[in-house]
Amino acid sequence: SGYDRFDRKEGIVCIFHWGFPGKNRRIFLRFLMKDIQSNRIEVKEGIYARRVLYMEIRGKGPFP
């Protein structure tokens, strides 16, 4: 669970998610829209189909 917020007026992106396994179960990322370099979709078809959307941030690399 969580949310993704894209504030075009202020030019800020916030990504917040709960429920990931492990000790630290909270993810909160905040960055400027102008720092987004690219969006990429990885699709694998077949029995174990997988679709992952990646966002690449300047200086931080891609994250799903």
PDB file of N, CA and C in Angstrom:
ATOM      1  N   SER A   1       0.841  -1.177   0.000  1.00  0.00           N
ATOM      2  CA  SER A   1       0.000   0.000   0.000  1.00  0.00           C
ATOM      3  C   SER A   1       0.888   1.242   0.000  1.00  0.00           C
ATOM      4  N   GLY A   2       0.328   2.344  -0.391  1.00  0.00           N
ATOM      5  CA  GLY A   2       1.070   3.590  -0.437  1.00  0.00           C
ATOM      6  C   GLY A   2       0.498   4.516  -1.495  1.00  0.00           C
ATOM      7  N   TYR A   3       1.314   5.470  -1.921  1.00  0.00           N
ATOM      8  CA  TYR A   3       0.847   6.415  -2.931  1.00  0.00           C
ATOM      9  C   TYR A   3       2.029   6.944  -3.733  1.00  0.00           C
ATOM     10  N   ASP A   4       1.722   7.448  -4.921  1.00  0.00           N
ATOM     11  CA  ASP A   4       2.666   8.145  -5.781  1.00  0.00           C
ATOM     12  C   ASP A   4       2.056   9.510  -6.069  1.00  0.00           C
ATOM     13  N   ARG A   5       2.782  10.581  -5.782  1.00  0.00           N
ATOM     14  CA  ARG A   5       2.254  11.937  -5.971  1.00  0.00           C
ATOM     15  C   ARG A   5       3.131  12.692  -6.955  1.00  0.00           C
ATOM     16  N   PHE A   6       2.514  13.211  -8.007  1.00  0.00           N
ATOM     17  CA  PHE A   6       3.196  14.002  -9.026  1.00  0.00           C
ATOM     18  C   PHE A   6       2.607  15.409  -8.985  1.00  0.00           C
ATOM     19  N   ASP A   7       3.308  16.338  -8.363  1.00  0.00           N
ATOM     20  CA  ASP A   7       2.841  17.710  -8.215  1.00  0.00           C
ATOM     21  C   ASP A   7       3.478  18.560  -9.318  1.00  0.00           C
ATOM     22  N   ARG A   8       2.717  18.792 -10.391  1.00  0.00           N
ATOM     23  CA  ARG A   8       3.240  19.533 -11.534  1.00  0.00           C
ATOM     24  C   ARG A   8       3.440  21.008 -11.207  1.00  0.00           C
ATOM     25  N   LYS A   9       2.652  21.544 -10.294  1.00  0.00           N
ATOM     26  CA  LYS A   9       2.756  22.953  -9.929  1.00  0.00           C
ATOM     27  C   LYS A   9       4.095  23.246  -9.251  1.00  0.00           C
ATOM     28  N   GLU A  10       4.499  22.368  -8.309  1.00  0.00           N
ATOM     29  CA  GLU A  10       5.763  22.557  -7.598  1.00  0.00           C
ATOM     30  C   GLU A  10       6.921  21.810  -8.250  1.00  0.00           C
ATOM     31  N   GLY A  11       6.614  20.890  -9.180  1.00  0.00           N
ATOM     32  CA  GLY A  11       7.652  20.129  -9.864  1.00  0.00           C
ATOM     33  C   GLY A  11       8.298  19.070  -8.991  1.00  0.00           C
ATOM     34  N   ILE A  12       7.510  18.471  -8.088  1.00  0.00           N
ATOM     35  CA  ILE A  12       8.030  17.484  -7.140  1.00  0.00           C
ATOM     36  C   ILE A  12       7.302  16.155  -7.318  1.00  0.00           C
ATOM     37  N   VAL A  13       8.054  15.054  -7.190  1.00  0.00           N
ATOM     38  CA  VAL A  13       7.496  13.703  -7.212  1.00  0.00           C
ATOM     39  C   VAL A  13       7.764  13.064  -5.854  1.00  0.00           C
ATOM     40  N   CYS A  14       6.726  12.482  -5.235  1.00  0.00           N
ATOM     41  CA  CYS A  14       6.859  11.767  -3.968  1.00  0.00           C
ATOM     42  C   CYS A  14       6.339  10.349  -4.161  1.00  0.00           C
ATOM     43  N   ILE A  15       7.123   9.367  -3.715  1.00  0.00           N
ATOM     44  CA  ILE A  15       6.725   7.965  -3.783  1.00  0.00           C
ATOM     45  C   ILE A  15       6.834   7.402  -2.374  1.00  0.00           C
ATOM     46  N   PHE A  16       5.715   6.879  -1.869  1.00  0.00           N
ATOM     47  CA  PHE A  16       5.661   6.332  -0.514  1.00  0.00           C
ATOM     48  C   PHE A  16       4.977   4.974  -0.569  1.00  0.00           C
ATOM     49  N   HIS A  17       5.623   3.939  -0.001  1.00  0.00           N
ATOM     50  CA  HIS A  17       5.047   2.593   0.011  1.00  0.00           C
ATOM     51  C   HIS A  17       5.368   1.884   1.319  1.00  0.00           C
ATOM     52  N   TRP A  18       4.386   1.155   1.844  1.00  0.00           N
ATOM     53  CA  TRP A  18       4.517   0.288   3.014  1.00  0.00           C
ATOM     54  C   TRP A  18       4.435  -1.153   2.546  1.00  0.00           C
ATOM     55  N   GLY A  19       4.912  -2.064   3.372  1.00  0.00           N
ATOM     56  CA  GLY A  19       4.664  -3.474   3.145  1.00  0.00           C
ATOM     57  C   GLY A  19       5.759  -4.247   2.461  1.00  0.00           C
ATOM     58  N   PHE A  20       6.925  -3.672   2.256  1.00  0.00           N
ATOM     59  CA  PHE A  20       8.019  -4.421   1.665  1.00  0.00           C
ATOM     60  C   PHE A  20       8.625  -5.322   2.734  1.00  0.00           C
ATOM     61  N   PRO A  21       9.078  -6.528   2.351  1.00  0.00           N
ATOM     62  CA  PRO A  21       9.672  -7.424   3.348  1.00  0.00           C
ATOM     63  C   PRO A  21      10.982  -6.866   3.904  1.00  0.00           C
ATOM     64  N   GLY A  22      11.311  -7.302   5.092  1.00  0.00           N
ATOM     65  CA  GLY A  22      12.572  -6.895   5.701  1.00  0.00           C
ATOM     66  C   GLY A  22      12.379  -6.006   6.908  1.00  0.00           C
ATOM     67  N   LYS A  23      13.501  -5.575   7.455  1.00  0.00           N
ATOM     68  CA  LYS A  23      13.487  -4.767   8.672  1.00  0.00           C
ATOM     69  C   LYS A  23      12.895  -3.378   8.435  1.00  0.00           C
ATOM     70  N   ASN A  24      13.322  -2.723   7.365  1.00  0.00           N
ATOM     71  CA  ASN A  24      12.800  -1.397   7.038  1.00  0.00           C
ATOM     72  C   ASN A  24      11.672  -1.572   6.028  1.00  0.00           C
ATOM     73  N   ARG A  25      10.447  -1.478   6.473  1.00  0.00           N
ATOM     74  CA  ARG A  25       9.296  -1.766   5.615  1.00  0.00           C
ATOM     75  C   ARG A  25       8.714  -0.523   4.949  1.00  0.00           C
ATOM     76  N   ARG A  26       9.375   0.603   5.061  1.00  0.00           N
ATOM     77  CA  ARG A  26       8.850   1.845   4.506  1.00  0.00           C
ATOM     78  C   ARG A  26       9.814   2.390   3.464  1.00  0.00           C
ATOM     79  N   ILE A  27       9.246   2.823   2.331  1.00  0.00           N
ATOM     80  CA  ILE A  27      10.039   3.484   1.294  1.00  0.00           C
ATOM     81  C   ILE A  27       9.433   4.860   1.054  1.00  0.00           C
ATOM     82  N   PHE A  28      10.246   5.901   1.147  1.00  0.00           N
ATOM     83  CA  PHE A  28       9.797   7.258   0.853  1.00  0.00           C
ATOM     84  C   PHE A  28      10.865   7.939   0.011  1.00  0.00           C
ATOM     85  N   LEU A  29      10.513   8.288  -1.221  1.00  0.00           N
ATOM     86  CA  LEU A  29      11.418   8.976  -2.137  1.00  0.00           C
ATOM     87  C   LEU A  29      10.791  10.301  -2.536  1.00  0.00           C
ATOM     88  N   ARG A  30      11.611  11.329  -2.606  1.00  0.00           N
ATOM     89  CA  ARG A  30      11.140  12.648  -3.019  1.00  0.00           C
ATOM     90  C   ARG A  30      12.224  13.274  -3.883  1.00  0.00           C
ATOM     91  N   PHE A  31      11.840  13.721  -5.093  1.00  0.00           N
ATOM     92  CA  PHE A  31      12.808  14.300  -6.008  1.00  0.00           C
ATOM     93  C   PHE A  31      12.101  15.252  -6.959  1.00  0.00           C
ATOM     94  N   LEU A  32      12.873  16.028  -7.686  1.00  0.00           N
ATOM     95  CA  LEU A  32      12.332  16.994  -8.636  1.00  0.00           C
ATOM     96  C   LEU A  32      11.995  16.319  -9.954  1.00  0.00           C
ATOM     97  N   MET A  33      10.936  16.779 -10.596  1.00  0.00           N
ATOM     98  CA  MET A  33      10.537  16.219 -11.893  1.00  0.00           C
ATOM     99  C   MET A  33      11.620  16.405 -12.944  1.00  0.00           C
ATOM    100  N   LYS A  34      12.367  17.485 -12.861  1.00  0.00           N
ATOM    101  CA  LYS A  34      13.397  17.735 -13.870  1.00  0.00           C
ATOM    102  C   LYS A  34      14.556  16.754 -13.756  1.00  0.00           C
ATOM    103  N   ASP A  35      14.649  16.016 -12.627  1.00  0.00           N
ATOM    104  CA  ASP A  35      15.691  15.016 -12.448  1.00  0.00           C
ATOM    105  C   ASP A  35      15.320  13.648 -13.022  1.00  0.00           C
ATOM    106  N   ILE A  36      14.092  13.467 -13.498  1.00  0.00           N
ATOM    107  CA  ILE A  36      13.687  12.211 -14.129  1.00  0.00           C
ATOM    108  C   ILE A  36      14.315  12.159 -15.517  1.00  0.00           C
ATOM    109  N   GLN A  37      15.149  11.133 -15.739  1.00  0.00           N
ATOM    110  CA  GLN A  37      15.810  10.992 -17.036  1.00  0.00           C
ATOM    111  C   GLN A  37      14.988  10.152 -17.997  1.00  0.00           C
ATOM    112  N   SER A  38      14.394   9.052 -17.517  1.00  0.00           N
ATOM    113  CA  SER A  38      13.643   8.180 -18.415  1.00  0.00           C
ATOM    114  C   SER A  38      12.717   7.264 -17.631  1.00  0.00           C
ATOM    115  N   ASN A  39      11.755   6.709 -18.350  1.00  0.00           N
ATOM    116  CA  ASN A  39      10.873   5.658 -17.860  1.00  0.00           C
ATOM    117  C   ASN A  39      11.067   4.465 -18.785  1.00  0.00           C
ATOM    118  N   ARG A  40      11.081   3.262 -18.208  1.00  0.00           N
ATOM    119  CA  ARG A  40      11.329   2.065 -19.004  1.00  0.00           C
ATOM    120  C   ARG A  40      10.388   0.964 -18.536  1.00  0.00           C
ATOM    121  N   ILE A  41       9.882   0.188 -19.471  1.00  0.00           N
ATOM    122  CA  ILE A  41       9.020  -0.948 -19.154  1.00  0.00           C
ATOM    123  C   ILE A  41       9.743  -2.223 -19.549  1.00  0.00           C
ATOM    124  N   GLU A  42       9.818  -3.168 -18.616  1.00  0.00           N
ATOM    125  CA  GLU A  42      10.405  -4.475 -18.887  1.00  0.00           C
ATOM    126  C   GLU A  42       9.277  -5.495 -18.904  1.00  0.00           C
ATOM    127  N   VAL A  43       9.105  -6.189 -20.033  1.00  0.00           N
ATOM    128  CA  VAL A  43       8.024  -7.154 -20.188  1.00  0.00           C
ATOM    129  C   VAL A  43       8.622  -8.510 -20.528  1.00  0.00           C
ATOM    130  N   LYS A  44       8.237  -9.525 -19.756  1.00  0.00           N
ATOM    131  CA  LYS A  44       8.632 -10.903 -20.031  1.00  0.00           C
ATOM    132  C   LYS A  44       7.358 -11.722 -20.143  1.00  0.00           C
ATOM    133  N   GLU A  45       7.129 -12.311 -21.290  1.00  0.00           N
ATOM    134  CA  GLU A  45       5.927 -13.111 -21.537  1.00  0.00           C
ATOM    135  C   GLU A  45       6.224 -14.581 -21.293  1.00  0.00           C
ATOM    136  N   GLY A  46       5.186 -15.365 -21.177  1.00  0.00           N
ATOM    137  CA  GLY A  46       5.327 -16.798 -20.984  1.00  0.00           C
ATOM    138  C   GLY A  46       4.551 -17.259 -19.765  1.00  0.00           C
ATOM    139  N   ILE A  47       4.968 -18.403 -19.224  1.00  0.00           N
ATOM    140  CA  ILE A  47       4.274 -18.964 -18.060  1.00  0.00           C
ATOM    141  C   ILE A  47       4.400 -18.039 -16.856  1.00  0.00           C
ATOM    142  N   TYR A  48       5.611 -17.518 -16.637  1.00  0.00           N
ATOM    143  CA  TYR A  48       5.844 -16.589 -15.526  1.00  0.00           C
ATOM    144  C   TYR A  48       5.970 -15.172 -16.080  1.00  0.00           C
ATOM    145  N   ALA A  49       4.852 -14.626 -16.521  1.00  0.00           N
ATOM    146  CA  ALA A  49       4.846 -13.286 -17.114  1.00  0.00           C
ATOM    147  C   ALA A  49       5.218 -12.252 -16.054  1.00  0.00           C
ATOM    148  N   ARG A  50       5.945 -11.231 -16.496  1.00  0.00           N
ATOM    149  CA  ARG A  50       6.396 -10.178 -15.579  1.00  0.00           C
ATOM    150  C   ARG A  50       6.396  -8.851 -16.309  1.00  0.00           C
ATOM    151  N   ARG A  51       5.872  -7.838 -15.651  1.00  0.00           N
ATOM    152  CA  ARG A  51       5.867  -6.483 -16.193  1.00  0.00           C
ATOM    153  C   ARG A  51       6.332  -5.538 -15.088  1.00  0.00           C
ATOM    154  N   VAL A  52       7.416  -4.816 -15.353  1.00  0.00           N
ATOM    155  CA  VAL A  52       7.986  -3.917 -14.356  1.00  0.00           C
ATOM    156  C   VAL A  52       8.222  -2.556 -14.999  1.00  0.00           C
ATOM    157  N   LEU A  53       7.789  -1.504 -14.327  1.00  0.00           N
ATOM    158  CA  LEU A  53       8.017  -0.133 -14.780  1.00  0.00           C
ATOM    159  C   LEU A  53       9.165   0.451 -13.965  1.00  0.00           C
ATOM    160  N   TYR A  54      10.185   0.951 -14.656  1.00  0.00           N
ATOM    161  CA  TYR A  54      11.344   1.556 -14.004  1.00  0.00           C
ATOM    162  C   TYR A  54      11.357   3.055 -14.278  1.00  0.00           C
ATOM    163  N   MET A  55      11.764   3.823 -13.284  1.00  0.00           N
ATOM    164  CA  MET A  55      11.961   5.255 -13.446  1.00  0.00           C
ATOM    165  C   MET A  55      13.423   5.544 -13.128  1.00  0.00           C
ATOM    166  N   GLU A  56      14.129   6.177 -14.046  1.00  0.00           N
ATOM    167  CA  GLU A  56      15.538   6.475 -13.833  1.00  0.00           C
ATOM    168  C   GLU A  56      15.691   7.928 -13.401  1.00  0.00           C
ATOM    169  N   ILE A  57      16.350   8.118 -12.256  1.00  0.00           N
ATOM    170  CA  ILE A  57      16.546   9.438 -11.667  1.00  0.00           C
ATOM    171  C   ILE A  57      18.024   9.812 -11.796  1.00  0.00           C
ATOM    172  N   ARG A  58      18.290  11.042 -12.180  1.00  0.00           N
ATOM    173  CA  ARG A  58      19.656  11.527 -12.323  1.00  0.00           C
ATOM    174  C   ARG A  58      20.416  11.365 -10.999  1.00  0.00           C
ATOM    175  N   GLY A  59      21.544  10.653 -11.053  1.00  0.00           N
ATOM    176  CA  GLY A  59      22.376  10.462  -9.887  1.00  0.00           C
ATOM    177  C   GLY A  59      21.959   9.310  -8.970  1.00  0.00           C
ATOM    178  N   LYS A  60      20.810   8.697  -9.200  1.00  0.00           N
ATOM    179  CA  LYS A  60      20.333   7.608  -8.348  1.00  0.00           C
ATOM    180  C   LYS A  60      20.125   6.311  -9.113  1.00  0.00           C
ATOM    181  N   GLY A  61      20.046   6.363 -10.421  1.00  0.00           N
ATOM    182  CA  GLY A  61      19.851   5.163 -11.212  1.00  0.00           C
ATOM    183  C   GLY A  61      18.382   4.746 -11.284  1.00  0.00           C
ATOM    184  N   PRO A  62      18.094   3.634 -11.950  1.00  0.00           N
ATOM    185  CA  PRO A  62      16.699   3.189 -12.112  1.00  0.00           C
ATOM    186  C   PRO A  62      16.188   2.475 -10.868  1.00  0.00           C
ATOM    187  N   PHE A  63      14.897   2.615 -10.590  1.00  0.00           N
ATOM    188  CA  PHE A  63      14.259   1.858  -9.533  1.00  0.00           C
ATOM    189  C   PHE A  63      12.854   1.470  -9.985  1.00  0.00           C
ATOM    190  N   PRO A  64      12.391   0.292  -9.575  1.00  0.00           N
ATOM    191  CA  PRO A  64      11.068  -0.186 -10.009  1.00  0.00           C
ATOM    192  C   PRO A  64       9.939   0.556  -9.315  1.00  0.00           C
TER     193      PRO A  64
END
